[in-house]
């Protein structure tokens, strides 16, 4: 969101805010928060041997607002039975597709973290 300053904005206030003539104040998104971000999809609790399982991470900032950009440092893992490779695809809009394939039957733990903290 871009907030424009009106032309009658007083010079004193411009100086205090460090804004010059014709400049606006750019308000950006907050940083992604593990506590507010969510992971959704069947792949969080169910998978079939040899078939890709999937789920989606939805990045949100500290106030719970959906992020509209990518580049967040989510880490997804699947541990338990056999070794499982996990892939994360950043869509650049605050959503991330996660896919993995289990090659052996067993009990596995799916984990999604950011900065060491678990995503909901």
Protein backbone atom coordinates (compact mmCIF):
# COMPACT_ATOMS: atom_id res chain seq x y z
CA UNK A 1 0.00 0.00 0.00
CA UNK A 2 1.35 3.46 -0.86
CA UNK A 3 0.28 6.40 1.28
CA UNK A 4 0.61 9.74 -0.48
CA UNK A 5 1.30 12.97 1.38
CA UNK A 6 -0.89 15.90 0.36
CA UNK A 7 0.75 18.99 -1.13
CA UNK A 8 -0.21 21.09 1.92
CA UNK A 9 1.69 18.81 4.31
CA UNK A 10 3.70 21.14 6.54
CA UNK A 11 7.46 21.42 6.03
CA UNK A 12 8.07 20.78 9.73
CA UNK A 13 6.31 17.41 9.51
CA UNK A 14 8.15 16.54 6.29
CA UNK A 15 11.44 17.16 8.06
CA UNK A 16 10.47 15.05 11.08
CA UNK A 17 9.49 12.11 8.87
CA UNK A 18 12.44 12.53 6.53
CA UNK A 19 10.19 12.89 3.50
CA UNK A 20 11.01 15.16 0.62
CA UNK A 21 8.67 16.75 -1.87
CA UNK A 22 6.59 14.23 -3.82
CA UNK A 23 7.62 11.21 -1.75
CA UNK A 24 5.24 8.77 -0.10
CA UNK A 25 5.53 6.45 2.82
CA UNK A 26 5.66 2.81 1.70
CA UNK A 27 4.06 0.38 4.11
CA UNK A 28 5.08 -3.21 3.40
CA UNK A 29 4.11 -6.61 4.64
CA UNK A 30 5.37 -7.87 7.93
CA UNK A 31 7.86 -10.72 8.07
CA UNK A 32 6.47 -14.23 7.97
CA UNK A 33 5.64 -15.75 11.34
CA UNK A 34 5.73 -19.49 12.05
CA UNK A 35 3.10 -19.04 14.78
CA UNK A 36 0.65 -17.44 12.32
CA UNK A 37 1.50 -19.40 9.16
CA UNK A 38 -0.44 -22.57 8.43
CA UNK A 39 0.06 -25.85 6.60
CA UNK A 40 -3.00 -27.52 5.04
CA UNK A 41 -3.63 -30.64 3.00
CA UNK A 42 -3.99 -34.41 3.11
CA UNK A 43 -0.22 -34.96 2.87
CA UNK A 44 0.13 -33.78 6.47
CA UNK A 45 -1.50 -36.95 7.79
CA UNK A 46 -1.77 -39.47 4.95
CA UNK A 47 0.48 -40.85 2.21
CA UNK A 48 0.64 -43.99 0.03
CA UNK A 49 3.86 -45.83 -0.70
CA UNK A 50 5.27 -44.76 -4.08
CA UNK A 51 2.69 -41.98 -4.61
CA UNK A 52 3.53 -38.29 -4.11
CA UNK A 53 1.82 -36.77 -1.05
CA UNK A 54 1.25 -33.02 -1.02
CA UNK A 55 0.25 -30.13 1.19
CA UNK A 56 0.46 -26.33 1.09
CA UNK A 57 2.09 -23.81 3.43
CA UNK A 58 0.33 -20.44 3.65
CA UNK A 59 2.68 -17.74 4.94
CA UNK A 60 1.22 -15.10 7.24
CA UNK A 61 2.80 -12.20 9.08
CA UNK A 62 2.75 -11.66 12.84
CA UNK A 63 -0.73 -10.14 12.73
CA UNK A 64 -2.13 -13.13 10.79
CA UNK A 65 -2.32 -11.33 7.43
CA UNK A 66 -1.58 -13.50 4.35
CA UNK A 67 1.74 -12.63 2.75
CA UNK A 68 1.70 -11.86 -0.96
CA UNK A 69 5.39 -12.43 -1.65
CA UNK A 70 7.64 -15.46 -1.38
CA UNK A 71 11.20 -16.04 -0.24
CA UNK A 72 10.38 -17.21 3.29
CA UNK A 73 12.64 -19.81 4.92
CA UNK A 74 10.28 -22.72 5.57
CA UNK A 75 11.83 -26.12 6.22
CA UNK A 76 9.71 -29.24 5.67
CA UNK A 77 10.77 -32.73 6.69
CA UNK A 78 9.40 -36.25 6.91
CA UNK A 79 11.11 -38.63 9.33
CA UNK A 80 10.47 -42.11 10.59
CA UNK A 81 10.64 -45.25 8.43
CA UNK A 82 12.82 -44.93 5.33
CA UNK A 83 14.62 -41.77 4.18
CA UNK A 84 12.20 -39.38 2.43
CA UNK A 85 13.13 -36.49 0.13
CA UNK A 86 10.91 -33.41 0.55
CA UNK A 87 10.57 -30.67 -2.06
CA UNK A 88 9.18 -27.18 -1.47
CA UNK A 89 8.02 -25.01 -4.37
CA UNK A 90 7.79 -21.26 -3.65
CA UNK A 91 4.97 -19.77 -5.74
CA UNK A 92 6.14 -16.20 -4.97
CA UNK A 93 2.72 -15.22 -3.57
CA UNK A 94 3.03 -16.38 0.05
CA UNK A 95 2.07 -19.97 -0.74
CA UNK A 96 4.39 -22.97 -0.95
CA UNK A 97 3.61 -26.43 -2.32
CA UNK A 98 5.27 -29.31 -0.50
CA UNK A 99 5.61 -32.81 -1.96
CA UNK A 100 7.23 -36.02 -0.77
CA UNK A 101 7.08 -39.72 -1.66
CA UNK A 102 7.47 -42.51 0.89
CA UNK A 103 9.20 -45.58 -0.55
CA UNK A 104 8.36 -47.88 2.37
CA UNK A 105 5.37 -48.39 4.66
CA UNK A 106 5.69 -47.25 8.26
CA UNK A 107 4.99 -44.45 10.69
CA UNK A 108 6.38 -41.04 9.69
CA UNK A 109 6.42 -37.61 11.27
CA UNK A 110 5.72 -34.61 9.04
CA UNK A 111 7.23 -31.34 10.27
CA UNK A 112 7.09 -27.76 8.95
CA UNK A 113 9.27 -25.13 10.59
CA UNK A 114 10.49 -21.62 10.15
CA UNK A 115 13.46 -20.43 12.17
CA UNK A 116 13.21 -23.50 14.40
CA UNK A 117 9.56 -22.83 15.30
CA UNK A 118 6.75 -25.14 14.18
CA UNK A 119 4.12 -23.91 11.72
CA UNK A 120 0.51 -24.56 12.76
